[in-house]
Amino acid sequence: MATTYNNLYLDLRTELRRAGDEEATQSARELVCAAAAKTREELVRDGSLYASPEVEENALKISRRLDALSKITTYMREHYKEDLRLSGLAAMFGYSDAYLSRMFRKYAKVNFKTYLQDIRMAYAYKELLHTDHTISSIALDNGFASSRAFSREFVKRYGILPGRAERQNHKNVKKVL
């Protein structure tokens, strides 16, 4: 059973990191439900479900935590341009900072800051390639404190400066036209 949950967490992590995709939340919920149903069927089949009610209770707790995390990550995707802080979200959803931080590490397999940066970077990257906005405006419009912070994060993730990525993309578009 532990293997089933580990696989579920890995699949869920992949779905939750697909920032900007509105279907990600639904897909993640479907994965949780499918894994929970499969686990329940396996437990019923081997008879251990009825021998150990704490297993079902534990599965229910995990499902509730994943549902709560799903609501939080949906909120983050809707408000990523704002100044989001772990403490503010924790208070908004009724958790302590430490507990919400542990939820992210345990279920999303990344910390809160990394998850938020993933969302912001995905939207910023899309905007960089598909608009003619300046790098500064893209950075500020997507929740980064400055264009310097955006550039630093961009280089860390993609190994190239945002301006260079933009120029390369424009060259490729001109070749196609």
Protein backbone atom coordinates (compact mmCIF):
# COMPACT_ATOMS: atom_id res chain seq x y z
CA MET A 1 0.00 0.00 0.00
CA ALA A 2 2.86 2.38 0.73
CA THR A 3 4.03 1.92 -2.84
CA THR A 4 0.60 2.92 -4.15
CA TYR A 5 0.69 6.14 -2.14
CA ASN A 6 4.28 6.88 -3.17
CA ASN A 7 3.31 6.52 -6.81
CA LEU A 8 0.28 8.72 -6.18
CA TYR A 9 2.46 11.43 -4.64
CA LEU A 10 4.87 11.35 -7.57
CA ASP A 11 2.01 11.59 -10.08
CA LEU A 12 0.37 14.36 -8.06
CA ARG A 13 3.63 16.30 -7.86
CA THR A 14 3.90 16.21 -11.63
CA GLU A 15 0.35 17.44 -12.04
CA LEU A 16 0.66 20.22 -9.47
CA ARG A 17 3.86 21.57 -11.05
CA ARG A 18 2.14 22.07 -14.41
CA ALA A 19 1.65 25.69 -13.53
CA GLY A 20 -0.84 27.68 -15.48
CA ASP A 21 -2.81 24.66 -16.60
CA GLU A 22 -6.33 24.89 -15.19
CA GLU A 23 -6.84 21.18 -15.82
CA ALA A 24 -3.97 20.33 -13.48
CA THR A 25 -6.11 20.65 -10.37
CA GLN A 26 -8.82 18.44 -11.81
CA SER A 27 -6.27 15.92 -13.06
CA ALA A 28 -4.62 15.82 -9.64
CA ARG A 29 -7.96 15.18 -7.96
CA GLU A 30 -8.73 12.42 -10.45
CA LEU A 31 -5.37 10.80 -9.70
CA VAL A 32 -6.08 10.92 -5.97
CA CYS A 33 -9.54 9.43 -6.41
CA ALA A 34 -8.29 6.70 -8.74
CA ALA A 35 -5.47 5.74 -6.39
CA ALA A 36 -7.77 5.84 -3.36
CA ALA A 37 -10.33 3.64 -5.16
CA LYS A 38 -7.62 1.22 -6.28
CA THR A 39 -6.17 1.06 -2.79
CA ARG A 40 -9.60 0.47 -1.29
CA GLU A 41 -10.33 -2.30 -3.81
CA GLU A 42 -7.01 -3.96 -3.02
CA LEU A 43 -7.70 -3.76 0.71
CA VAL A 44 -11.21 -5.17 0.33
CA ARG A 45 -9.87 -7.98 -1.85
CA ASP A 46 -7.25 -9.09 0.64
CA GLY A 47 -9.54 -8.53 3.63
CA SER A 48 -7.28 -6.10 5.47
CA LEU A 49 -9.70 -3.18 5.11
CA TYR A 50 -12.03 -4.63 7.65
CA ALA A 51 -9.23 -5.87 9.85
CA SER A 52 -7.73 -2.39 10.12
CA PRO A 53 -10.10 0.61 10.13
CA GLU A 54 -7.19 2.95 10.87
CA VAL A 55 -5.98 2.35 7.29
CA GLU A 56 -9.22 3.78 5.91
CA GLU A 57 -9.04 6.68 8.36
CA ASN A 58 -5.46 7.41 7.30
CA ALA A 59 -6.45 7.33 3.61
CA LEU A 60 -9.28 9.75 4.38
CA LYS A 61 -6.90 12.12 6.18
CA ILE A 62 -4.50 12.07 3.23
CA SER A 63 -7.35 12.72 0.83
CA ARG A 64 -8.50 15.71 2.92
CA ARG A 65 -4.98 17.13 3.05
CA LEU A 66 -4.58 16.74 -0.70
CA ASP A 67 -7.94 18.43 -1.25
CA ALA A 68 -6.87 21.30 1.04
CA LEU A 69 -3.56 21.60 -0.79
CA SER A 70 -5.41 21.60 -4.08
CA LYS A 71 -7.53 24.56 -2.93
CA ILE A 72 -4.41 26.41 -1.80
CA THR A 73 -2.54 25.78 -5.06
CA THR A 74 -5.59 26.86 -7.07
CA TYR A 75 -5.65 30.10 -5.08
CA MET A 76 -1.93 30.54 -5.75
CA ARG A 77 -2.42 30.10 -9.51
CA GLU A 78 -5.23 32.65 -9.46
CA HIS A 79 -3.28 35.21 -7.38
CA TYR A 80 0.35 34.55 -8.37
CA LYS A 81 0.83 38.19 -9.41
CA GLU A 82 0.22 39.33 -5.84
CA ASP A 83 2.67 39.34 -2.95
CA LEU A 84 1.90 35.83 -1.65
CA ARG A 85 3.54 34.73 1.55
CA LEU A 86 3.41 31.40 3.32
CA SER A 87 2.22 33.07 6.53
CA GLY A 88 -0.61 34.88 4.74
CA LEU A 89 -1.86 31.77 2.96
CA ALA A 90 -1.54 29.70 6.12
CA ALA A 91 -3.67 32.18 8.04
CA MET A 92 -6.18 32.46 5.19
CA PHE A 93 -6.72 28.70 5.06
CA GLY A 94 -6.53 28.12 8.82
CA TYR A 95 -3.12 26.47 9.12
CA SER A 96 0.08 27.34 10.91
CA ASP A 97 3.06 28.39 8.79
CA ALA A 98 4.98 25.28 9.78
CA TYR A 99 2.11 22.93 8.97
CA LEU A 100 1.47 24.43 5.53
CA SER A 101 5.17 24.29 4.79
CA ARG A 102 5.22 20.58 5.73
CA MET A 103 2.14 19.95 3.55
CA PHE A 104 3.93 21.38 0.53
CA ARG A 105 7.09 19.38 1.16
CA LYS A 106 5.20 16.16 1.82
CA TYR A 107 2.53 16.23 -0.88
CA ALA A 108 3.84 18.54 -3.61
CA LYS A 109 7.45 17.41 -3.04
CA VAL A 110 8.67 21.03 -3.25
CA ASN A 111 8.64 23.87 -0.80
CA PHE A 112 6.15 26.74 -0.95
CA LYS A 113 8.58 29.25 -2.46
CA THR A 114 9.66 26.89 -5.24
CA TYR A 115 6.05 26.08 -6.10
CA LEU A 116 5.16 29.77 -6.29
CA GLN A 117 8.25 30.53 -8.38
CA ASP A 118 7.31 27.67 -10.73
CA ILE A 119 3.91 29.24 -11.32
CA ARG A 120 5.30 32.73 -11.81
CA MET A 121 8.08 31.56 -14.10
CA ALA A 122 5.71 29.54 -16.29
CA TYR A 123 3.46 32.55 -16.88
CA ALA A 124 6.41 34.92 -17.33
CA TYR A 125 8.10 32.60 -19.81
CA LYS A 126 4.91 32.32 -21.83
CA GLU A 127 4.52 36.11 -21.81
CA LEU A 128 8.17 36.61 -22.77
CA LEU A 129 7.80 34.42 -25.85
CA HIS A 130 4.37 35.60 -26.97
CA THR A 131 4.30 39.35 -26.33
CA ASP A 132 6.51 42.32 -26.99
CA HIS A 133 6.42 43.53 -23.38
CA THR A 134 9.67 44.58 -21.78
CA ILE A 135 11.44 42.20 -19.44
CA SER A 136 10.87 44.64 -16.58
CA SER A 137 7.13 44.78 -17.15
CA ILE A 138 6.93 40.99 -17.53
CA ALA A 139 8.82 40.56 -14.26
CA LEU A 140 6.63 42.98 -12.33
CA ASP A 141 3.40 41.76 -13.96
CA ASN A 142 4.13 38.20 -12.86
CA GLY A 143 4.86 38.82 -9.21
CA PHE A 144 8.63 39.17 -9.22
CA ALA A 145 10.06 41.87 -6.98
CA SER A 146 12.25 43.26 -9.77
CA SER A 147 13.54 42.50 -13.24
CA ARG A 148 16.81 41.51 -11.60
CA ALA A 149 15.06 38.89 -9.44
CA PHE A 150 13.25 37.61 -12.53
CA SER A 151 16.46 37.41 -14.55
CA ARG A 152 18.28 35.61 -11.76
CA GLU A 153 15.49 33.02 -11.46
CA PHE A 154 15.25 32.70 -15.25
CA VAL A 155 18.97 31.98 -15.59
CA LYS A 156 18.83 29.50 -12.71
CA ARG A 157 16.03 27.56 -14.41
CA TYR A 158 16.82 27.87 -18.11
CA GLY A 159 20.54 28.67 -18.18
CA ILE A 160 20.05 31.71 -20.40
CA LEU A 161 19.18 35.36 -19.87
CA PRO A 162 15.55 36.30 -20.60
CA GLY A 163 16.60 38.83 -23.26
CA ARG A 164 18.61 36.23 -25.11
CA ALA A 165 15.73 33.72 -24.95
CA GLU A 166 13.41 36.39 -26.32
CA ARG A 167 15.79 37.21 -29.19
CA GLN A 168 16.24 33.54 -30.06
CA ASN A 169 12.48 33.06 -30.10
CA HIS A 170 12.01 36.07 -32.40
CA LYS A 171 14.69 34.71 -34.76
CA ASN A 172 12.90 31.36 -34.91
CA VAL A 173 9.56 33.05 -35.60
CA LYS A 174 11.10 35.10 -38.45
CA LYS A 175 12.59 31.94 -40.00
CA VAL A 176 9.16 30.30 -40.01
CA LEU A 177 7.56 33.36 -41.64
